[in-house]
Amino acid sequence: MQIYIHIPFCEQKCNYCRFASIWKIQDLHIAKYVSLLCEEITLSPSPSPLGERGVSIKTIYFGWWTPWVLKLEQFEKILNTIKNKYILDTNCEISLETTPDKITKENLEWWNKLWINRVSMWIQTLNNKSLKEISRWNKWDINIALENIKKYNLIENISVDFIIWLPYVKSWEILENIKTILNNFSFIKHISVYMLEDYYSPDKIIETKYDNITYPKDWDKQGIKEEEYLWEYSSIKRYLINSWFNNYEISNYWKPWFECKHNIWYWNHSEILAFWLWAYWYVNNIRYANSENFKNYYAWEKIFKNKLSEEDIFLEKVMFQLRTSWIEENIYKKLDQKKINYFIENSYLEYSFRAESFSPLLKLTDKWVLVMDYILSEIV
C-alpha cells in the first residue's frame, strides 16, 4: 500500500498551476489543515480485513511542490499519525517535492531526521526569462540548491524535473540544460521531463474550477513549435539512455536501483491511500475523491465514490501499460486489431519481445508524443 499526502500551500502560485492550492500562506490555516489531515488519517477505514496493522506502507509521497511550508513539528505530527495507524515497511520510500530555495543545510538535516530519503526538485528550465514568466526561481537558486545537496550529502536519492514547451525556451535548450546539470551534478538519480499541458484545446473537459486556468500572454506562441516537440523529446530520451538512465515511463528516467517506487506502484495500477484536499483514493477497486475546496474538505465531503467495473479496470490497465512499457498479448488481443495494425503501419506502435519470453508485446514508438491519447481512444 502507498500513501499520498497533499500540502496545498505555496509562497506564490506558479502561472501554469491548476492544482488545488493557495499561495497566501497563513500559519493558522496551515495548522488547521494539518490537524484535519491527521484526523482524516486516523479515522479512515482500513483497506485490509486484518485491520490497520495488517497494512504495510511501502511509500509515502509529500507532493504538489509545497510541503516545505510545514514546520518540523507539523511534519513529525503527520508521520507519527501514519506510523500509529499503519506499519511502515523497512525500506519505505518517503519522498518530498520542493523548490530550489528550500534546499538549505538546515532543511536537509531535518528532512533526513524525519526519514525522508528521496527529494524531488523542480527545475523546469535554466532560462531565466522563462522562469520569471512562470513565477519560478532563477537558475542561480537552482545551482545553489544542487551545490548544497552535493556538499552536505544527506539524501542520496535526488530527482529533478524539467518541462518542455515553456515560453521563451528554444527547441534545443532543455536538452542542453539537462546536459549542464548532469555534467556538474552526477549524483542525480532520477529525471522527469514533462510536456506543458495544452490548456487551449477546445475539447478540454472542465471538471473543476482549476481546469479553467489559462496561460497568460499567448504562451502557446512563445515556446517551441508543435512540429519541433518530437525532435526535442527524442533527443532528450536518446541522451539520457546513453547516460545510463532507464526510461520506465514516458516522462521518467532513473539510474539503476533509483526508480521512484511510488510512481511504479501507481503506474502498475496498485492501490493508494490519499489524505488531502482533492485526494483520489484507489482501494478494493473503488475510487474515492475528496472535495477540491477547504470548506467542503473540512466537512468531510467527497466528490464521488465509484466502484470500478471490469471494463473500467481493463481500460485503465491499457492506459497504464501504454504509458510505462508495453501492452501484454493477453490484453492487446482484446483491442481493436484493425486500428492497431493501422498505427503499426504508420510507425506509432510496434511489436517487441521480452528477453525471457517469446510472447509478443505491443509498445509505442517515439512518434506517440503528441497523439498518445488519440491512439488510446482509437484502439480500446
Protein backbone atom coordinates (compact mmCIF):
# COMPACT_ATOMS: atom_id res chain seq x y z
CA MET A 1 0.00 0.00 0.00
CA GLN A 2 1.17 3.53 -0.65
CA ILE A 3 0.19 6.91 0.75
CA TYR A 4 -0.02 10.29 -0.96
CA ILE A 5 -0.13 13.48 1.11
CA HIS A 6 -1.01 16.83 -0.49
CA ILE A 7 0.15 20.05 1.20
CA PRO A 8 -1.83 22.76 -0.68
CA PHE A 9 0.04 25.90 0.37
CA CYS A 10 2.52 27.98 -1.63
CA GLU A 11 4.52 31.13 -1.04
CA GLN A 12 3.46 32.04 -4.56
CA LYS A 13 1.39 30.19 -7.13
CA CYS A 14 3.07 29.36 -10.44
CA ASN A 15 1.45 30.81 -13.54
CA TYR A 16 0.86 27.37 -15.06
CA CYS A 17 -0.52 25.71 -11.90
CA ARG A 18 -4.03 24.28 -11.93
CA PHE A 19 -3.79 22.19 -8.77
CA ALA A 20 -5.86 22.71 -5.66
CA SER A 21 -3.61 25.08 -3.72
CA ILE A 22 -3.45 28.61 -2.40
CA TRP A 23 -0.45 30.91 -2.36
CA LYS A 24 -1.25 33.23 0.56
CA ILE A 25 0.25 31.31 3.45
CA GLN A 26 -1.31 31.72 6.87
CA ASP A 27 0.06 29.84 9.89
CA LEU A 28 -3.37 29.30 11.45
CA HIS A 29 -4.77 27.98 8.16
CA ILE A 30 -1.86 25.55 7.79
CA ALA A 31 -2.21 24.39 11.42
CA LYS A 32 -5.93 23.74 10.90
CA TYR A 33 -5.28 21.81 7.71
CA VAL A 34 -2.59 19.62 9.31
CA SER A 35 -4.90 18.90 12.24
CA LEU A 36 -7.78 17.84 9.95
CA LEU A 37 -5.38 15.88 7.74
CA CYS A 38 -4.16 13.85 10.73
CA GLU A 39 -7.74 13.30 11.84
CA GLU A 40 -8.62 12.03 8.36
CA ILE A 41 -5.71 9.56 8.52
CA THR A 42 -6.70 8.36 11.98
CA LEU A 43 -10.41 7.91 11.23
CA SER A 44 -10.11 6.45 7.74
CA PRO A 45 -11.35 2.84 7.39
CA SER A 46 -8.70 0.18 6.97
CA PRO A 47 -8.37 -1.27 3.44
CA SER A 48 -7.31 -4.61 4.94
CA PRO A 49 -9.56 -7.24 6.58
CA LEU A 50 -6.76 -7.62 9.13
CA GLY A 51 -7.21 -4.00 10.23
CA GLU A 52 -4.74 -1.12 10.16
CA ARG A 53 -1.81 -3.20 11.42
CA GLY A 54 -2.33 -5.55 8.50
CA VAL A 55 -1.41 -2.80 6.04
CA SER A 56 2.27 -2.35 5.21
CA ILE A 57 3.11 1.08 3.80
CA LYS A 58 5.70 0.87 1.02
CA THR A 59 5.83 4.54 0.01
CA ILE A 60 4.81 7.95 1.36
CA TYR A 61 4.79 10.87 -1.04
CA PHE A 62 4.50 14.51 0.06
CA GLY A 63 3.54 16.30 -3.13
CA TRP A 64 2.50 19.36 -5.13
CA TRP A 65 5.88 21.07 -4.63
CA THR A 66 4.79 22.82 -1.44
CA PRO A 67 5.39 20.53 1.58
CA TRP A 68 8.36 22.58 2.76
CA VAL A 69 5.95 25.24 4.11
CA LEU A 70 5.28 22.95 7.07
CA LYS A 71 7.16 23.36 10.32
CA LEU A 72 9.26 20.48 11.64
CA GLU A 73 6.71 19.59 14.31
CA GLN A 74 3.91 19.52 11.70
CA PHE A 75 5.85 17.06 9.54
CA GLU A 76 6.50 14.95 12.63
CA LYS A 77 2.81 15.04 13.54
CA ILE A 78 1.75 13.74 10.11
CA LEU A 79 4.40 11.00 10.01
CA ASN A 80 3.71 9.91 13.58
CA THR A 81 -0.02 9.74 12.79
CA ILE A 82 0.73 7.45 9.84
CA LYS A 83 3.05 5.27 11.95
CA ASN A 84 0.44 4.99 14.70
CA LYS A 85 -2.15 3.87 12.15
CA TYR A 86 -0.11 1.62 9.87
CA ILE A 87 3.14 -0.36 9.73
CA LEU A 88 5.91 1.24 7.68
CA ASP A 89 7.87 -1.16 5.51
CA THR A 90 11.55 -1.47 6.46
CA ASN A 91 12.56 0.09 3.14
CA CYS A 92 9.69 2.57 2.95
CA GLU A 93 10.39 5.28 0.38
CA ILE A 94 9.46 8.72 1.74
CA SER A 95 9.53 11.39 -0.97
CA LEU A 96 9.32 15.14 -0.70
CA GLU A 97 8.77 17.63 -3.52
CA THR A 98 10.39 21.01 -3.05
CA THR A 99 11.58 24.21 -4.71
CA PRO A 100 15.27 25.16 -5.02
CA ASP A 101 15.23 27.93 -2.42
CA LYS A 102 14.24 25.47 0.33
CA ILE A 103 17.21 23.16 -0.14
CA THR A 104 19.38 24.53 2.65
CA LYS A 105 21.69 22.79 5.12
CA GLU A 106 19.14 23.20 7.90
CA ASN A 107 16.24 21.75 5.87
CA LEU A 108 18.31 18.86 4.52
CA GLU A 109 19.30 17.96 8.08
CA TRP A 110 15.78 17.87 9.48
CA TRP A 111 14.32 16.16 6.42
CA ASN A 112 16.93 13.47 6.97
CA LYS A 113 15.96 13.18 10.64
CA LEU A 114 12.35 12.64 9.56
CA TRP A 115 13.40 9.60 7.44
CA ILE A 116 12.78 11.45 4.17
CA ASN A 117 15.03 9.52 1.79
CA ARG A 118 14.03 10.95 -1.58
CA VAL A 119 13.84 14.61 -2.67
CA SER A 120 12.35 15.80 -5.95
CA MET A 121 13.24 19.35 -7.02
CA TRP A 122 11.56 21.21 -9.84
CA ILE A 123 14.00 22.93 -12.19
CA GLN A 124 11.77 23.27 -15.31
CA THR A 125 14.39 25.24 -17.27
CA LEU A 126 17.58 27.26 -16.80
CA ASN A 127 16.20 30.04 -18.97
CA ASN A 128 15.81 32.99 -16.58
CA LYS A 129 13.33 34.85 -18.80
CA SER A 130 11.06 31.80 -18.84
CA LEU A 131 11.48 31.20 -15.10
CA LYS A 132 10.47 34.78 -14.38
CA GLU A 133 7.46 34.47 -16.70
CA ILE A 134 6.17 31.38 -14.92
CA SER A 135 6.89 32.86 -11.45
CA ARG A 136 9.63 30.40 -10.55
CA TRP A 137 13.09 30.79 -9.05
CA ASN A 138 16.13 31.70 -11.16
CA LYS A 139 18.97 29.47 -12.32
CA TRP A 140 21.33 30.71 -9.61
CA ASP A 141 18.93 29.46 -6.91
CA ILE A 142 18.85 26.12 -8.72
CA ASN A 143 22.65 25.92 -8.78
CA ILE A 144 22.94 26.82 -5.08
CA ALA A 145 20.39 24.13 -4.19
CA LEU A 146 22.28 21.46 -6.12
CA GLU A 147 25.59 22.58 -4.59
CA ASN A 148 24.04 22.22 -1.12
CA ILE A 149 22.88 18.68 -1.89
CA LYS A 150 26.36 17.82 -3.14
CA LYS A 151 28.16 19.49 -0.22
CA TYR A 152 26.15 18.04 2.67
CA ASN A 153 25.39 14.63 1.08
CA LEU A 154 22.50 13.87 3.47
CA ILE A 155 19.96 12.45 0.99
CA GLU A 156 21.14 10.13 -1.76
CA ASN A 157 18.06 9.73 -3.93
CA ILE A 158 17.69 13.06 -5.77
CA SER A 159 15.27 13.72 -8.63
CA VAL A 160 14.97 16.83 -10.83
CA ASP A 161 12.17 17.80 -13.20
CA PHE A 162 12.06 19.71 -16.48
CA ILE A 163 9.23 20.93 -18.69
CA ILE A 164 9.20 21.12 -22.49
CA TRP A 165 7.13 23.82 -24.20
CA LEU A 166 7.66 26.64 -21.72
CA PRO A 167 7.53 30.21 -23.06
CA TYR A 168 10.75 31.72 -24.44
CA VAL A 169 12.61 28.39 -24.37
CA LYS A 170 14.16 27.38 -27.72
CA SER A 171 13.93 23.87 -29.13
CA TRP A 172 17.44 22.82 -28.06
CA GLU A 173 17.53 24.43 -24.62
CA ILE A 174 16.03 21.77 -22.35
CA LEU A 175 18.43 19.16 -23.72
CA GLU A 176 21.38 21.49 -23.09
CA ASN A 177 20.02 22.29 -19.61
CA ILE A 178 19.93 18.59 -18.76
CA LYS A 179 23.48 18.11 -20.07
CA THR A 180 24.70 21.04 -17.97
CA ILE A 181 23.03 19.75 -14.81
CA LEU A 182 24.29 16.17 -15.21
CA ASN A 183 27.83 17.25 -16.11
CA ASN A 184 28.05 19.31 -12.92
CA PHE A 185 25.97 17.16 -10.58
CA SER A 186 26.46 13.49 -11.38
CA PHE A 187 24.75 12.44 -8.12
CA ILE A 188 21.27 12.96 -9.67
CA LYS A 189 19.48 9.62 -9.79
CA HIS A 190 16.15 10.43 -11.43
CA ILE A 191 14.95 12.88 -14.10
CA SER A 192 11.42 13.70 -15.20
CA VAL A 193 10.74 15.54 -18.46
CA TYR A 194 7.14 16.69 -18.79
CA MET A 195 5.26 18.49 -21.51
CA LEU A 196 3.47 21.72 -20.61
CA GLU A 197 -0.17 20.75 -20.72
CA ASP A 198 -2.20 22.28 -23.52
CA TYR A 199 -4.98 24.33 -21.96
CA TYR A 200 -6.13 25.70 -25.29
CA SER A 201 -7.82 22.55 -26.58
CA PRO A 202 -11.49 23.17 -27.40
CA ASP A 203 -12.15 19.55 -26.34
CA LYS A 204 -10.77 20.07 -22.84
CA ILE A 205 -13.03 18.61 -20.17
CA ILE A 206 -13.72 21.05 -17.34
CA GLU A 207 -14.03 19.02 -14.14
CA THR A 208 -13.01 21.58 -11.50
CA LYS A 209 -12.52 25.33 -11.28
CA TYR A 210 -8.77 24.78 -11.68
CA ASP A 211 -9.31 23.41 -15.19
CA ASN A 212 -10.46 26.90 -16.24
CA ILE A 213 -6.97 28.35 -15.75
CA THR A 214 -5.42 29.54 -19.00
CA TYR A 215 -1.90 30.69 -19.73
CA PRO A 216 -1.14 34.41 -19.98
CA LYS A 217 0.48 36.32 -22.85
CA ASP A 218 -0.08 33.76 -25.60
CA TRP A 219 2.34 31.23 -24.20
CA ASP A 220 1.44 28.78 -26.96
CA LYS A 221 3.07 31.19 -29.43
CA GLN A 222 6.16 31.94 -27.32
CA GLY A 223 7.54 28.39 -26.99
CA ILE A 224 8.78 25.84 -29.50
CA LYS A 225 6.61 24.94 -32.45
CA GLU A 226 4.50 21.81 -32.24
CA GLU A 227 6.45 20.12 -35.02
CA GLU A 228 9.69 20.64 -33.04
CA TYR A 229 8.47 18.80 -29.99
CA LEU A 230 9.14 15.28 -31.28
CA TRP A 231 12.77 16.16 -32.03
CA GLU A 232 13.16 17.70 -28.57
CA TYR A 233 11.68 14.72 -26.77
CA SER A 234 13.56 12.12 -28.85
CA SER A 235 16.88 13.92 -28.40
CA ILE A 236 16.45 14.11 -24.63
CA LYS A 237 15.40 10.46 -24.43
CA ARG A 238 18.37 9.33 -26.52
CA TYR A 239 20.83 11.38 -24.45
CA LEU A 240 19.53 10.11 -21.10
CA ILE A 241 19.54 6.47 -22.18
CA ASN A 242 23.13 6.91 -23.41
CA SER A 243 23.90 8.40 -19.99
CA TRP A 244 22.79 5.17 -18.26
CA PHE A 245 19.30 6.27 -17.36
CA ASN A 246 16.42 3.83 -17.86
CA ASN A 247 13.16 5.05 -19.37
CA TYR A 248 10.44 3.45 -17.22
CA GLU A 249 7.55 5.76 -18.13
CA ILE A 250 7.08 8.19 -20.98
CA SER A 251 8.29 11.16 -18.90
CA ASN A 252 10.55 9.50 -16.34
CA TYR A 253 14.13 8.21 -16.28
CA TRP A 254 16.11 6.60 -13.45
CA LYS A 255 19.56 5.29 -12.67
CA PRO A 256 19.57 1.59 -11.71
CA TRP A 257 18.01 0.96 -8.26
CA PHE A 258 16.73 4.53 -8.01
CA GLU A 259 13.36 4.37 -9.70
CA CYS A 260 10.55 6.21 -7.91
CA LYS A 261 8.81 3.33 -6.14
CA HIS A 262 5.72 5.46 -5.57
CA ASN A 263 5.36 6.15 -9.30
CA ILE A 264 5.88 2.50 -10.21
CA TRP A 265 3.22 1.36 -7.78
CA TYR A 266 0.84 3.96 -9.20
CA TRP A 267 1.51 3.03 -12.82
CA ASN A 268 1.12 -0.65 -12.00
CA HIS A 269 -2.46 0.21 -11.10
CA SER A 270 -1.82 -0.57 -7.43
CA GLU A 271 -3.86 0.62 -4.51
CA ILE A 272 -3.22 4.01 -2.98
CA LEU A 273 -4.37 5.82 0.15
CA ALA A 274 -4.57 9.58 -0.29
CA PHE A 275 -5.20 12.03 2.53
CA TRP A 276 -5.68 15.61 1.47
CA LEU A 277 -7.72 18.23 -0.24
CA TRP A 278 -8.75 16.87 -3.69
CA ALA A 279 -7.43 13.38 -2.81
CA TYR A 280 -8.03 10.43 -5.12
CA TRP A 281 -8.03 7.04 -3.40
CA TYR A 282 -7.98 3.67 -5.10
CA VAL A 283 -8.77 0.74 -2.77
CA ASN A 284 -10.52 -2.58 -3.41
CA ASN A 285 -11.42 -1.47 -6.96
CA ILE A 286 -13.19 1.61 -5.60
CA ARG A 287 -12.05 5.14 -6.42
CA TYR A 288 -12.83 7.93 -3.96
CA ALA A 289 -12.23 11.67 -4.25
CA ASN A 290 -12.21 14.34 -1.55
CA SER A 291 -13.59 17.82 -2.13
CA GLU A 292 -11.43 20.32 -4.00
CA ASN A 293 -12.14 23.24 -1.64
CA PHE A 294 -11.24 23.73 2.01
CA LYS A 295 -14.77 24.37 3.29
CA ASN A 296 -16.15 21.08 1.98
CA TYR A 297 -12.99 19.15 2.80
CA TYR A 298 -13.27 20.24 6.43
CA ALA A 299 -16.89 19.00 6.34
CA TRP A 300 -15.62 15.56 5.18
CA GLU A 301 -17.44 15.82 1.85
CA LYS A 302 -16.37 13.68 -1.11
CA ILE A 303 -16.85 14.45 -4.78
CA PHE A 304 -17.56 10.83 -5.65
CA LYS A 305 -17.18 7.18 -4.71
CA ASN A 306 -17.19 4.88 -7.71
CA LYS A 307 -16.94 1.10 -7.89
CA LEU A 308 -14.89 0.32 -10.98
CA SER A 309 -16.33 -2.23 -13.36
CA GLU A 310 -14.23 -4.93 -15.03
CA GLU A 311 -14.31 -2.79 -18.19
CA ASP A 312 -13.07 0.28 -16.27
CA ILE A 313 -10.19 -1.70 -14.77
CA PHE A 314 -9.30 -3.16 -18.17
CA LEU A 315 -9.21 0.28 -19.82
CA GLU A 316 -7.05 1.69 -17.03
CA LYS A 317 -4.60 -1.20 -17.37
CA VAL A 318 -4.32 -0.50 -21.09
CA MET A 319 -3.64 3.19 -20.37
CA PHE A 320 -1.00 2.48 -17.71
CA GLN A 321 0.74 -0.18 -19.78
CA LEU A 322 0.80 2.12 -22.78
CA ARG A 323 2.48 4.85 -20.69
CA THR A 324 5.05 2.68 -18.99
CA SER A 325 6.36 -0.13 -21.12
CA TRP A 326 4.20 -2.32 -23.33
CA ILE A 327 0.77 -3.87 -23.64
CA GLU A 328 0.84 -7.60 -22.96
CA GLU A 329 -0.55 -10.01 -25.54
CA ASN A 330 -3.48 -11.19 -23.41
CA ILE A 331 -4.64 -7.56 -23.23
CA TYR A 332 -3.94 -6.15 -26.70
CA LYS A 333 -5.66 -9.15 -28.30
CA LYS A 334 -8.91 -7.78 -26.84
CA LEU A 335 -8.43 -4.39 -28.52
CA ASP A 336 -9.35 -3.18 -32.00
CA GLN A 337 -6.90 -5.14 -34.18
CA LYS A 338 -7.69 -3.14 -37.31
CA LYS A 339 -6.78 0.13 -35.57
CA ILE A 340 -3.69 -1.46 -34.03
CA ASN A 341 -2.48 -2.55 -37.47
CA TYR A 342 -3.10 0.96 -38.77
CA PHE A 343 -0.93 2.52 -36.06
CA ILE A 344 1.78 -0.11 -36.62
CA GLU A 345 1.83 0.62 -40.35
CA ASN A 346 2.23 4.32 -39.57
CA SER A 347 5.01 3.70 -37.04
CA TYR A 348 3.11 4.83 -33.94
CA LEU A 349 3.05 1.34 -32.46
CA GLU A 350 5.40 -1.60 -32.82
CA TYR A 351 5.80 -5.17 -31.62
CA SER A 352 8.60 -6.07 -29.24
CA PHE A 353 9.76 -9.06 -27.19
CA ARG A 354 10.96 -9.52 -23.63
CA ALA A 355 14.28 -11.27 -23.24
CA GLU A 356 12.80 -14.00 -21.05
CA SER A 357 9.75 -14.61 -23.24
CA PHE A 358 8.85 -15.02 -26.90
CA SER A 359 5.37 -13.65 -26.27
CA PRO A 360 4.95 -10.51 -28.42
CA LEU A 361 4.36 -7.16 -26.73
CA LEU A 362 2.83 -4.00 -28.15
CA LYS A 363 4.58 -0.72 -27.42
CA LEU A 364 4.63 2.89 -28.53
CA THR A 365 7.31 4.39 -30.71
CA ASP A 366 8.57 7.92 -30.08
CA LYS A 367 6.00 9.23 -32.56
CA TRP A 368 3.37 8.79 -29.83
CA VAL A 369 4.35 12.07 -28.14
CA LEU A 370 1.53 14.32 -29.26
CA VAL A 371 -1.07 11.67 -30.07
CA MET A 372 -0.98 9.10 -27.27
CA ASP A 373 -4.46 9.99 -26.00
CA TYR A 374 -5.80 9.72 -29.54
CA ILE A 375 -4.19 6.29 -30.05
CA LEU A 376 -5.64 5.10 -26.76
CA SER A 377 -9.14 6.30 -27.64
CA GLU A 378 -8.98 4.54 -31.00
CA ILE A 379 -7.69 1.11 -30.03
CA VAL A 380 -9.91 0.43 -26.98
